[in-house]
């Protein structure tokens, strides 16, 4: 059960993030088909029929994804409750999470049935069903659990979900519609309607976001002194990036009459990046829901002095302690103790209940600092490669293969090849699984991007591996929570991870836009991602845990 608890801490965030993402796609699809790509003179517009059919297929797929995700989410929560208490299935039927999950499953099934023919029944039922879906999702949010002002908070959260669905969820349908639209006039009409709806959604999101933040963060100290506040700040920064790309899309829509063909293609490319960043923010929201609101936490907060001391420049740690000096704590050990009747009194999913020794901290700092030197080298070489003056600099991606090998060997010393736990045995530990997934992403990126940079393969398709790896890695880093509590030491560690995640996301999508778009912005994007890599290396070189 200890191992299940460890995996649950990671799975719950991932499944919650997927559920929110699919929810946004379902709500966005309903809004898009009912209001944006509405059936005006449908019999005479065969292009619109084609677009609506494609969008209906995406909505149906999203509803299937939401149904499957919700079944998994309800199941693992039920297994957790039954495994840690005397409750049985019949005792869980009336639980809030169970009832809300059943409602989401039923609504998803209704959307699957309705989208087979997106006609009158769909138009009449889509928006009401979306509201029911949002209500069920909000029933398991922080707002529903509050004692004071619960109704007001649930209303604000519902508005927030609706605006995210219409804007971010609708973006996926906009990309599909612009890419599949057989006529320029139809694309102009759809883009114009979506642009007006998005502007309204942005205003609504700001209103709801400010209201919720005021309720869960009562002071500026709450914003930087707690895990919850840190994640809110990360969301705000990512939202600012999203608004920047949305602003570019707005100006493209304003000018679309001058050159509709090329501008609609450019709009579609920017919308792709907007989709990716938008759903990354949704994943950050899922991580946020796993943390207690800052207003409920008064102990173990980081102060401005703590932050300044931790992030002041210092020389990197270049010497590592011996493996024999480490504690080598692992949930696998805790599970063995539990089997022997020596289980700890309490356990937080995703967190080993053991204080790090000086050797453990030194090992972690050494790994981060050396990783930073590697990434910093790669970033500087990538910047040099952009100048076209140093030919060897174009081989910079190969540096990351060394980083992947280094992390594979040293990220988890309690496991193979340094520790007592075998390779496959340790894969059931959530943090180990995340580390090895990162290694796979790093090596994949290195190989594909080296071939692209050296002209061995075309960047049209293979070049997208690099931005995908950066964007996915940044998004996963937002879920890489070391603790679901509010330990000051853990918070200070997360303060270095949050900017790494944001820089990874910016690097990925700037490279994506460099490859996928055209026009005056491409050169700017081509410089953004190498600078982001360099900054990632600089942060890691200065990483400390004391």
Protein backbone atom coordinates (compact mmCIF):
# COMPACT_ATOMS: atom_id res chain seq x y z
CA UNK A 1 0.00 0.00 0.00
CA UNK A 2 2.92 2.36 0.63
CA UNK A 3 4.00 1.99 -3.00
CA UNK A 4 0.46 2.67 -4.15
CA UNK A 5 0.35 5.80 -2.00
CA UNK A 6 3.61 6.97 -3.55
CA UNK A 7 2.33 6.46 -7.10
CA UNK A 8 -1.04 7.95 -6.16
CA UNK A 9 0.55 11.31 -5.35
CA UNK A 10 1.77 11.55 -8.95
CA UNK A 11 -1.15 9.82 -10.68
CA UNK A 12 -3.77 11.95 -8.95
CA UNK A 13 -2.23 15.15 -10.39
CA UNK A 14 -1.85 13.65 -13.88
CA UNK A 15 -5.39 12.25 -13.94
CA UNK A 16 -6.83 15.47 -12.56
CA UNK A 17 -4.92 17.41 -15.21
CA UNK A 18 -6.20 15.12 -17.98
CA UNK A 19 -9.74 15.40 -16.65
CA UNK A 20 -9.56 19.22 -16.65
CA UNK A 21 -8.02 19.20 -20.14
CA UNK A 22 -10.70 16.94 -21.59
CA UNK A 23 -13.36 18.94 -19.76
CA UNK A 24 -12.06 22.12 -21.41
CA UNK A 25 -12.11 20.42 -24.82
CA UNK A 26 -15.67 19.20 -24.32
CA UNK A 27 -16.93 22.59 -23.14
CA UNK A 28 -14.92 24.37 -25.83
CA UNK A 29 -16.30 22.03 -28.49
CA UNK A 30 -19.86 22.66 -27.38
CA UNK A 31 -19.37 26.44 -27.48
CA UNK A 32 -17.54 26.24 -30.81
CA UNK A 33 -20.20 24.17 -32.56
CA UNK A 34 -23.16 26.07 -31.10
CA UNK A 35 -21.87 29.66 -31.45
CA UNK A 36 -18.62 29.89 -33.44
CA UNK A 37 -19.13 27.40 -36.28
CA UNK A 38 -22.89 27.61 -36.01
CA UNK A 39 -24.92 26.17 -38.89
CA UNK A 40 -25.77 29.38 -40.80
CA UNK A 41 -27.36 28.43 -44.12
CA UNK A 42 -25.99 24.96 -43.58
CA UNK A 43 -27.60 23.48 -46.68
CA UNK A 44 -25.78 25.98 -48.94
CA UNK A 45 -22.37 25.88 -47.17
CA UNK A 46 -20.74 22.50 -47.77
CA UNK A 47 -17.47 23.80 -46.29
CA UNK A 48 -19.12 24.45 -42.96
CA UNK A 49 -20.65 20.98 -42.99
CA UNK A 50 -17.16 19.53 -43.40
CA UNK A 51 -15.71 21.68 -40.59
CA UNK A 52 -18.54 20.82 -38.21
CA UNK A 53 -18.10 17.12 -38.94
CA UNK A 54 -14.40 17.34 -38.08
CA UNK A 55 -15.05 19.34 -34.93
CA UNK A 56 -17.74 16.88 -33.86
CA UNK A 57 -15.21 14.06 -34.21
CA UNK A 58 -12.75 15.96 -31.96
CA UNK A 59 -15.50 16.61 -29.41
CA UNK A 60 -16.48 12.94 -29.43
CA UNK A 61 -12.85 11.89 -28.90
CA UNK A 62 -12.51 14.40 -26.04
CA UNK A 63 -15.67 13.05 -24.40
CA UNK A 64 -14.31 9.51 -24.67
CA UNK A 65 -11.05 10.67 -23.10
CA UNK A 66 -12.91 12.41 -20.28
CA UNK A 67 -15.02 9.33 -19.62
CA UNK A 68 -11.99 7.02 -19.45
CA UNK A 69 -9.99 9.45 -17.30
CA UNK A 70 -12.84 9.92 -14.85
CA UNK A 71 -13.32 6.18 -14.50
CA UNK A 72 -9.62 5.81 -13.65
CA UNK A 73 -9.74 8.77 -11.24
CA UNK A 74 -12.76 7.44 -9.32
CA UNK A 75 -11.27 3.94 -9.26
CA UNK A 76 -7.86 4.83 -7.81
CA UNK A 77 -9.43 7.15 -5.22
CA UNK A 78 -11.77 4.35 -4.17
CA UNK A 79 -8.92 1.84 -3.96
CA UNK A 80 -6.97 4.29 -1.81
CA UNK A 81 -9.86 4.81 0.59
CA UNK A 82 -10.66 1.11 0.88
CA UNK A 83 -7.00 0.19 1.31
CA UNK A 84 -6.43 2.68 4.14
CA UNK A 85 -9.73 2.25 6.00
CA UNK A 86 -12.54 -0.22 6.67
CA UNK A 87 -14.74 1.29 3.93
CA UNK A 88 -16.20 -0.86 1.16
CA UNK A 89 -17.62 -0.01 -2.26
CA UNK A 90 -21.16 0.43 -0.92
CA UNK A 91 -19.85 2.96 1.62
CA UNK A 92 -18.30 5.12 -1.11
CA UNK A 93 -21.37 5.51 -3.33
CA UNK A 94 -22.59 8.57 -1.45
CA UNK A 95 -19.18 10.25 -1.28
CA UNK A 96 -18.85 13.62 -2.99
CA UNK A 97 -16.01 12.57 -5.34
CA UNK A 98 -17.92 9.41 -6.32
CA UNK A 99 -21.19 11.17 -7.14
CA UNK A 100 -19.38 13.92 -9.06
CA UNK A 101 -17.43 11.30 -11.00
CA UNK A 102 -20.57 9.43 -11.95
CA UNK A 103 -22.17 12.66 -13.22
CA UNK A 104 -19.10 13.43 -15.33
CA UNK A 105 -19.14 9.89 -16.75
CA UNK A 106 -22.85 10.14 -17.64
CA UNK A 107 -22.48 13.58 -19.25
CA UNK A 108 -19.49 12.34 -21.24
CA UNK A 109 -21.54 9.40 -22.50
CA UNK A 110 -24.32 11.80 -23.55
CA UNK A 111 -21.86 13.93 -25.52
CA UNK A 112 -20.53 10.81 -27.25
CA UNK A 113 -24.06 9.92 -28.32
CA UNK A 114 -25.03 13.46 -29.36
CA UNK A 115 -21.94 14.09 -31.50
CA UNK A 116 -22.72 11.23 -33.83
CA UNK A 117 -25.12 13.67 -35.44
CA UNK A 118 -24.50 17.26 -34.35
CA UNK A 119 -27.98 18.45 -35.30
CA UNK A 120 -30.85 20.06 -33.45
CA UNK A 121 -30.59 17.80 -30.41
CA UNK A 122 -26.95 18.66 -30.00
CA UNK A 123 -27.57 22.40 -30.37
CA UNK A 124 -30.29 22.28 -27.73
CA UNK A 125 -28.46 20.07 -25.21
CA UNK A 126 -24.76 20.95 -25.60
CA UNK A 127 -24.63 24.09 -23.44
CA UNK A 128 -26.86 22.73 -20.61
CA UNK A 129 -24.78 19.54 -20.51
CA UNK A 130 -21.60 21.63 -20.38
CA UNK A 131 -22.96 23.51 -17.36
CA UNK A 132 -23.74 20.22 -15.63
CA UNK A 133 -20.22 18.99 -16.42
CA UNK A 134 -18.66 22.13 -14.96
CA UNK A 135 -20.83 21.89 -11.84
CA UNK A 136 -19.73 18.29 -11.24
CA UNK A 137 -16.08 19.25 -11.65
CA UNK A 138 -16.39 22.21 -9.28
CA UNK A 139 -18.00 19.91 -6.68
CA UNK A 140 -14.56 18.38 -6.04
CA UNK A 141 -12.64 21.68 -6.01
CA UNK A 142 -11.28 23.75 -3.13
CA UNK A 143 -14.35 25.98 -3.37
CA UNK A 144 -16.75 23.16 -2.46
CA UNK A 145 -14.77 22.30 0.66
CA UNK A 146 -14.71 25.81 2.12
CA UNK A 147 -16.78 26.62 5.19
CA UNK A 148 -17.04 30.34 4.52
CA UNK A 149 -18.29 31.82 1.24
CA UNK A 150 -18.52 28.42 -0.39
CA UNK A 151 -21.33 29.36 -2.80
CA UNK A 152 -19.57 32.51 -4.00
CA UNK A 153 -16.32 30.59 -4.51
CA UNK A 154 -18.10 27.78 -6.36
CA UNK A 155 -19.73 30.36 -8.65
CA UNK A 156 -16.38 32.02 -9.38
CA UNK A 157 -14.77 28.62 -9.99
CA UNK A 158 -17.59 27.65 -12.35
CA UNK A 159 -17.15 30.90 -14.29
CA UNK A 160 -13.42 30.24 -14.41
CA UNK A 161 -13.95 26.72 -15.81
CA UNK A 162 -16.45 27.97 -18.40
CA UNK A 163 -14.12 30.72 -19.64
CA UNK A 164 -11.15 28.33 -19.83
CA UNK A 165 -13.25 25.86 -21.78
CA UNK A 166 -14.58 28.41 -24.25
CA UNK A 167 -11.15 30.01 -24.81
CA UNK A 168 -8.46 27.36 -24.35
CA UNK A 169 -10.67 24.38 -25.17
CA UNK A 170 -12.09 26.20 -28.19
CA UNK A 171 -8.57 26.85 -29.50
CA UNK A 172 -8.20 23.21 -30.48
CA UNK A 173 -11.31 23.47 -32.64
CA UNK A 174 -10.11 26.75 -34.15
CA UNK A 175 -6.84 25.11 -35.24
CA UNK A 176 -8.78 22.20 -36.71
CA UNK A 177 -11.27 24.49 -38.46
CA UNK A 178 -8.61 26.75 -39.99
CA UNK A 179 -6.54 23.78 -41.11
CA UNK A 180 -9.50 21.96 -42.62
CA UNK A 181 -11.53 24.91 -43.88
CA UNK A 182 -11.98 24.58 -47.67
CA UNK A 183 -12.62 28.30 -48.17
CA UNK A 184 -10.91 31.52 -47.07
CA UNK A 185 -14.20 33.28 -46.44
CA UNK A 186 -15.34 30.56 -44.03
CA UNK A 187 -12.00 30.72 -42.21
CA UNK A 188 -12.32 34.50 -41.84
CA UNK A 189 -15.82 34.18 -40.45
CA UNK A 190 -14.86 31.50 -37.90
CA UNK A 191 -11.68 33.35 -36.83
CA UNK A 192 -13.58 36.61 -36.34
CA UNK A 193 -16.27 35.00 -34.19
CA UNK A 194 -13.74 33.11 -32.09
CA UNK A 195 -11.63 36.25 -31.58
CA UNK A 196 -14.61 38.16 -30.16
CA UNK A 197 -15.53 35.26 -27.88
CA UNK A 198 -11.92 34.93 -26.69
CA UNK A 199 -11.77 38.59 -25.70
CA UNK A 200 -14.83 38.14 -23.50
CA UNK A 201 -13.33 34.98 -21.97
CA UNK A 202 -10.08 36.78 -21.08
CA UNK A 203 -11.98 39.47 -19.19
CA UNK A 204 -14.08 36.85 -17.38
CA UNK A 205 -10.97 34.83 -16.51
CA UNK A 206 -9.25 37.86 -15.03
CA UNK A 207 -12.32 38.69 -12.95
CA UNK A 208 -12.73 35.13 -11.65
CA UNK A 209 -8.99 34.64 -11.13
CA UNK A 210 -8.63 37.79 -9.05
CA UNK A 211 -11.66 36.83 -6.94
CA UNK A 212 -10.38 33.31 -6.26
CA UNK A 213 -6.83 34.50 -5.55
CA UNK A 214 -8.12 37.04 -3.06
CA UNK A 215 -10.00 34.27 -1.24
CA UNK A 216 -7.10 31.79 -1.13
CA UNK A 217 -4.23 34.28 -0.81
CA UNK A 218 -4.83 36.96 1.79
CA UNK A 219 -1.44 38.65 1.57
CA UNK A 220 1.57 39.13 -0.68
CA UNK A 221 3.49 36.86 1.68
CA UNK A 222 1.01 34.08 0.83
CA UNK A 223 2.02 34.46 -2.82
CA UNK A 224 5.74 33.83 -2.38
CA UNK A 225 5.85 32.08 0.99
CA UNK A 226 3.73 28.97 0.26
CA UNK A 227 3.61 26.16 -2.31
CA UNK A 228 0.08 27.22 -3.26
CA UNK A 229 1.11 30.80 -3.84
CA UNK A 230 4.14 29.73 -5.87
CA UNK A 231 1.92 27.69 -8.20
CA UNK A 232 -0.53 30.59 -8.52
CA UNK A 233 2.38 32.86 -9.46
CA UNK A 234 3.54 30.28 -12.02
CA UNK A 235 0.04 30.21 -13.51
CA UNK A 236 -0.06 34.01 -13.70
CA UNK A 237 3.27 34.14 -15.55
CA UNK A 238 2.16 31.40 -17.97
CA UNK A 239 -1.13 33.25 -18.45
CA UNK A 240 0.85 36.36 -19.36
CA UNK A 241 2.72 34.39 -22.03
CA UNK A 242 -0.59 33.06 -23.31
CA UNK A 243 -2.00 36.59 -23.49
CA UNK A 244 1.06 37.68 -25.47
CA UNK A 245 0.45 35.03 -28.14
CA UNK A 246 -3.27 35.76 -28.02
CA UNK A 247 -2.47 39.43 -28.65
CA UNK A 248 -0.51 38.47 -31.77
CA UNK A 249 -3.49 36.43 -32.94
CA UNK A 250 -5.78 39.40 -32.32
CA UNK A 251 -3.70 41.67 -34.56
CA UNK A 252 -3.59 38.98 -37.24
CA UNK A 253 -7.39 38.76 -37.20
CA UNK A 254 -7.59 42.55 -37.48
CA UNK A 255 -5.41 42.46 -40.61
CA UNK A 256 -6.79 39.27 -42.13
CA UNK A 257 -8.57 41.16 -44.92
CA UNK A 258 -5.27 42.39 -46.40
CA UNK A 259 -3.85 38.91 -47.13
CA UNK A 260 -6.36 36.29 -45.94
CA UNK A 261 -4.53 33.19 -47.16
CA UNK A 262 -1.13 33.68 -45.49
CA UNK A 263 -2.51 35.44 -42.41
CA UNK A 264 -4.99 32.64 -41.69
CA UNK A 265 -2.13 30.12 -41.91
CA UNK A 266 -0.07 32.26 -39.53
CA UNK A 267 -3.07 32.53 -37.21
CA UNK A 268 -3.38 28.75 -37.19
CA UNK A 269 0.31 28.35 -36.26
CA UNK A 270 0.11 30.82 -33.39
CA UNK A 271 -3.06 29.11 -32.22
CA UNK A 272 -1.14 25.82 -32.00
CA UNK A 273 1.27 27.37 -29.52
CA UNK A 274 -1.62 28.98 -27.69
CA UNK A 275 -3.26 25.56 -27.35
CA UNK A 276 -0.10 24.01 -25.93
CA UNK A 277 0.53 26.74 -23.39
CA UNK A 278 -3.14 26.86 -22.44
CA UNK A 279 -3.26 23.17 -21.62
CA UNK A 280 0.01 23.46 -19.71
CA UNK A 281 -1.72 26.03 -17.50
CA UNK A 282 -4.57 23.54 -17.01
CA UNK A 283 -2.01 20.95 -15.85
CA UNK A 284 -0.62 23.53 -13.42
CA UNK A 285 -4.18 24.01 -12.14
CA UNK A 286 -4.38 20.28 -11.44
CA UNK A 287 -1.18 20.52 -9.41
CA UNK A 288 -2.68 23.50 -7.58
CA UNK A 289 -5.75 21.49 -6.53
CA UNK A 290 -3.49 18.95 -4.79
CA UNK A 291 -2.23 21.64 -2.38
CA UNK A 292 -3.99 23.26 0.56
CA UNK A 293 -4.85 26.95 -0.02
CA UNK A 294 -2.28 29.36 1.35
CA UNK A 295 -4.84 31.01 3.63
CA UNK A 296 -5.04 27.77 5.64
CA UNK A 297 -1.29 27.58 6.21
CA UNK A 298 0.47 29.70 8.82
CA UNK A 299 3.57 27.64 9.62
CA UNK A 300 6.81 26.83 7.77
CA UNK A 301 6.55 29.75 5.38
CA UNK A 302 9.54 31.04 3.49
CA UNK A 303 10.50 34.64 4.14
CA UNK A 304 12.04 37.11 1.71
CA UNK A 305 15.34 36.71 3.58
CA UNK A 306 15.17 32.89 3.17
CA UNK A 307 14.63 33.27 -0.56
CA UNK A 308 17.39 35.84 -0.99
CA UNK A 309 19.85 33.66 0.93
CA UNK A 310 18.98 30.51 -1.03
CA UNK A 311 19.23 32.10 -4.47
CA UNK A 312 22.26 34.32 -3.91
CA UNK A 313 25.08 33.40 -6.36
CA UNK A 314 27.50 30.73 -5.13
CA UNK A 315 30.12 28.43 -6.60
CA UNK A 316 28.69 25.12 -7.87
CA UNK A 317 29.35 21.90 -5.98
CA UNK A 318 31.73 19.85 -8.13
CA UNK A 319 32.62 17.07 -5.67
CA UNK A 320 30.18 14.34 -4.72
CA UNK A 321 29.94 12.31 -1.49
CA UNK A 322 30.31 8.54 -1.64
CA UNK A 323 27.20 6.39 -2.14
CA UNK A 324 27.91 4.67 1.20
CA UNK A 325 27.37 8.01 2.98
CA UNK A 326 23.78 8.37 1.69
CA UNK A 327 20.63 7.29 3.53
CA UNK A 328 19.16 5.76 0.32
CA UNK A 329 15.58 6.22 1.51
CA UNK A 330 12.94 4.76 -0.82
CA UNK A 331 9.22 3.92 -0.65
CA UNK A 332 10.35 0.36 -1.44
CA UNK A 333 12.09 0.30 1.96
CA UNK A 334 9.03 1.74 3.64
CA UNK A 335 6.85 -0.90 2.01
CA UNK A 336 9.14 -3.60 3.37
CA UNK A 337 8.95 -2.07 6.85
CA UNK A 338 5.18 -2.00 6.56
CA UNK A 339 5.15 -5.70 5.72
CA UNK A 340 7.23 -6.31 8.86
CA UNK A 341 4.87 -4.28 11.03
CA UNK A 342 7.20 -1.29 11.19
CA UNK A 343 5.26 1.11 8.98
CA UNK A 344 5.39 4.82 9.89
CA UNK A 345 2.48 6.38 11.73
CA UNK A 346 1.55 8.60 8.82
CA UNK A 347 2.59 9.01 5.22
CA UNK A 348 2.03 11.77 2.70
CA UNK A 349 1.65 10.46 -0.88
CA UNK A 350 4.72 11.33 -2.92
CA UNK A 351 6.93 12.09 0.09
CA UNK A 352 9.36 9.81 1.91
CA UNK A 353 9.08 10.56 5.62
CA UNK A 354 12.78 10.99 6.33
CA UNK A 355 14.96 14.07 6.74
CA UNK A 356 17.83 14.46 4.29
CA UNK A 357 21.32 14.28 5.73
CA UNK A 358 24.18 16.60 4.72
CA UNK A 359 25.45 13.88 2.35
CA UNK A 360 22.02 13.54 0.71
CA UNK A 361 21.86 17.28 0.14
CA UNK A 362 25.42 17.34 -1.22
CA UNK A 363 24.55 14.51 -3.66
CA UNK A 364 21.50 16.38 -4.94
CA UNK A 365 23.34 19.69 -5.31
CA UNK A 366 26.22 17.98 -7.12
CA UNK A 367 23.79 16.39 -9.60
CA UNK A 368 21.94 19.64 -10.23
CA UNK A 369 25.10 21.75 -10.54
CA UNK A 370 26.82 19.41 -13.00
CA UNK A 371 23.59 19.12 -14.99
CA UNK A 372 23.51 22.90 -15.06
CA UNK A 373 27.04 23.10 -16.44
CA UNK A 374 26.06 20.70 -19.23
CA UNK A 375 22.88 22.62 -20.11
CA UNK A 376 24.72 25.96 -19.87
CA UNK A 377 27.31 24.66 -22.32
CA UNK A 378 24.62 23.46 -24.70
CA UNK A 379 22.78 26.78 -24.43
CA UNK A 380 25.87 28.84 -25.17
CA UNK A 381 26.73 26.61 -28.13
CA UNK A 382 23.16 26.96 -29.41
CA UNK A 383 23.48 30.75 -29.19
CA UNK A 384 26.81 30.55 -31.03
CA UNK A 385 25.20 28.35 -33.69
CA UNK A 386 22.59 31.04 -34.35
CA UNK A 387 25.38 33.42 -35.43
CA UNK A 388 26.56 30.92 -38.12
CA UNK A 389 30.18 31.78 -37.27
CA UNK A 390 31.22 28.62 -35.41
CA UNK A 391 30.39 25.58 -37.50
CA UNK A 392 31.09 23.02 -34.76
CA UNK A 393 28.53 24.75 -32.52
CA UNK A 394 25.69 23.18 -34.53
CA UNK A 395 26.50 19.85 -32.86
CA UNK A 396 25.31 21.26 -29.50
CA UNK A 397 22.43 18.74 -29.09
CA UNK A 398 24.94 15.89 -28.57
CA UNK A 399 25.84 17.45 -25.22
CA UNK A 400 22.44 16.34 -23.94
CA UNK A 401 23.21 12.66 -24.49
CA UNK A 402 25.89 12.99 -21.83
CA UNK A 403 23.35 14.68 -19.57
CA UNK A 404 20.90 11.81 -20.09
CA UNK A 405 23.52 9.20 -19.17
CA UNK A 406 24.59 11.22 -16.12
CA UNK A 407 21.02 11.49 -14.82
CA UNK A 408 20.24 7.85 -15.56
CA UNK A 409 23.16 6.74 -13.41
CA UNK A 410 22.96 9.26 -10.56
CA UNK A 411 19.39 10.60 -10.20
CA UNK A 412 18.30 7.78 -7.86
CA UNK A 413 21.31 6.29 -6.00
CA UNK A 414 19.06 3.97 -3.98
CA UNK A 415 18.34 2.03 -7.19
CA UNK A 416 20.28 0.23 -9.92
CA UNK A 417 23.15 0.61 -10.75
CA UNK A 418 24.32 2.28 -7.53
CA UNK A 419 21.78 1.07 -4.97
CA UNK A 420 20.22 -2.21 -3.79
CA UNK A 421 16.91 -1.96 -5.69
CA UNK A 422 16.75 -3.40 -9.20
CA UNK A 423 15.96 -1.44 -12.36
CA UNK A 424 12.45 -2.81 -12.96
CA UNK A 425 11.68 -3.09 -9.24
CA UNK A 426 12.28 0.64 -8.75
CA UNK A 427 10.04 1.63 -11.69
CA UNK A 428 7.00 1.43 -9.39
CA UNK A 429 8.29 4.44 -7.40
CA UNK A 430 6.67 7.60 -8.80
CA UNK A 431 9.70 9.88 -8.53
CA UNK A 432 12.00 7.31 -10.12
CA UNK A 433 9.53 6.83 -12.97
CA UNK A 434 9.47 10.59 -13.55
CA UNK A 435 13.28 10.82 -13.55
CA UNK A 436 13.62 8.04 -16.11
CA UNK A 437 10.91 9.56 -18.26
CA UNK A 438 12.89 12.81 -18.26
CA UNK A 439 16.00 10.87 -19.31
CA UNK A 440 14.12 9.31 -22.22
CA UNK A 441 12.87 12.72 -23.32
CA UNK A 442 16.37 14.24 -23.08
CA UNK A 443 18.03 11.51 -25.18
CA UNK A 444 15.21 11.56 -27.77
CA UNK A 445 15.54 15.31 -28.09
CA UNK A 446 19.32 15.12 -28.45
CA UNK A 447 19.27 12.59 -31.27
CA UNK A 448 16.51 14.18 -33.32
CA UNK A 449 17.68 17.76 -32.87
CA UNK A 450 21.29 16.87 -33.75
CA UNK A 451 20.07 15.36 -37.02
CA UNK A 452 18.01 18.49 -37.70
CA UNK A 453 20.82 20.93 -36.86
CA UNK A 454 23.30 19.05 -39.07
CA UNK A 455 20.89 18.70 -41.99
CA UNK A 456 20.65 14.90 -41.82
CA UNK A 457 16.85 15.04 -41.70
CA UNK A 458 14.29 17.66 -42.61
CA UNK A 459 13.12 19.93 -39.79
CA UNK A 460 9.54 19.86 -41.11
CA UNK A 461 8.61 16.88 -38.93
CA UNK A 462 11.66 15.69 -36.99
CA UNK A 463 12.42 19.26 -35.94
CA UNK A 464 9.23 19.28 -33.90
CA UNK A 465 10.66 16.68 -31.50
CA UNK A 466 12.76 19.33 -29.74
CA UNK A 467 9.90 21.75 -29.01
CA UNK A 468 7.63 18.86 -28.04
CA UNK A 469 10.22 17.50 -25.58
CA UNK A 470 10.81 20.95 -24.06
CA UNK A 471 7.09 21.70 -23.76
CA UNK A 472 6.21 18.27 -22.34
CA UNK A 473 9.19 18.34 -20.00
CA UNK A 474 8.19 21.77 -18.70
CA UNK A 475 4.61 20.63 -18.19
CA UNK A 476 5.71 17.46 -16.37
CA UNK A 477 8.03 19.50 -14.16
CA UNK A 478 4.96 21.36 -12.89
CA UNK A 479 3.68 18.02 -11.55
CA UNK A 480 7.07 16.99 -10.14
CA UNK A 481 6.07 17.95 -6.60
CA UNK A 482 8.44 16.73 -3.90
CA UNK A 483 5.88 17.30 -1.17
CA UNK A 484 2.17 17.97 -0.95
CA UNK A 485 2.66 19.81 2.33
CA UNK A 486 4.17 23.23 2.95
CA UNK A 487 7.69 22.52 4.20
CA UNK A 488 9.82 25.64 3.82
CA UNK A 489 12.78 23.61 2.54
CA UNK A 490 10.64 21.90 -0.09
CA UNK A 491 9.12 25.23 -1.11
CA UNK A 492 12.56 26.72 -1.69
CA UNK A 493 13.42 23.74 -3.90
CA UNK A 494 10.19 24.17 -5.88
CA UNK A 495 11.09 27.83 -6.39
CA UNK A 496 13.92 26.70 -8.64
CA UNK A 497 11.76 24.13 -10.42
CA UNK A 498 8.99 26.59 -11.36
CA UNK A 499 11.22 28.90 -13.45
CA UNK A 500 12.82 25.82 -15.05
CA UNK A 501 9.37 24.64 -16.10
CA UNK A 502 8.42 28.05 -17.51
CA UNK A 503 11.69 28.38 -19.41
CA UNK A 504 11.23 24.89 -20.85
CA UNK A 505 7.73 25.78 -22.00
CA UNK A 506 8.85 29.07 -23.57
CA UNK A 507 11.83 27.38 -25.27
CA UNK A 508 9.64 24.63 -26.68
CA UNK A 509 6.93 26.82 -28.12
CA UNK A 510 9.29 29.48 -29.45
CA UNK A 511 11.14 26.76 -31.37
CA UNK A 512 7.78 25.38 -32.54
CA UNK A 513 6.78 28.80 -33.89
CA UNK A 514 10.17 29.25 -35.52
CA UNK A 515 9.64 26.02 -37.47
CA UNK A 516 5.92 26.30 -38.13
CA UNK A 517 5.28 30.00 -38.77
CA UNK A 518 6.51 32.62 -41.22
CA UNK A 519 6.83 36.37 -41.22
CA UNK A 520 8.66 39.00 -39.18
CA UNK A 521 8.47 37.13 -35.86
CA UNK A 522 10.44 34.03 -36.91
CA UNK A 523 13.87 35.57 -36.29
CA UNK A 524 12.80 36.68 -32.82
CA UNK A 525 11.60 33.17 -31.96
CA UNK A 526 14.87 31.68 -33.26
CA UNK A 527 16.77 33.59 -30.54
CA UNK A 528 14.35 33.02 -27.67
CA UNK A 529 14.86 29.28 -27.20
CA UNK A 530 18.71 29.29 -27.08
CA UNK A 531 18.57 32.05 -24.48
CA UNK A 532 16.05 29.99 -22.48
CA UNK A 533 18.40 26.98 -22.56
CA UNK A 534 21.23 29.16 -21.30
CA UNK A 535 19.09 30.50 -18.45
CA UNK A 536 18.05 26.95 -17.47
CA UNK A 537 21.73 26.03 -17.19
CA UNK A 538 22.48 29.12 -15.11
CA UNK A 539 19.66 28.31 -12.65
CA UNK A 540 20.83 24.71 -12.26
CA UNK A 541 24.46 25.76 -11.72
CA UNK A 542 23.30 27.92 -8.80
CA UNK A 543 20.93 25.26 -7.38
CA UNK A 544 21.21 24.70 -3.62
CA UNK A 545 19.17 22.97 -0.94
CA UNK A 546 20.69 24.66 2.12
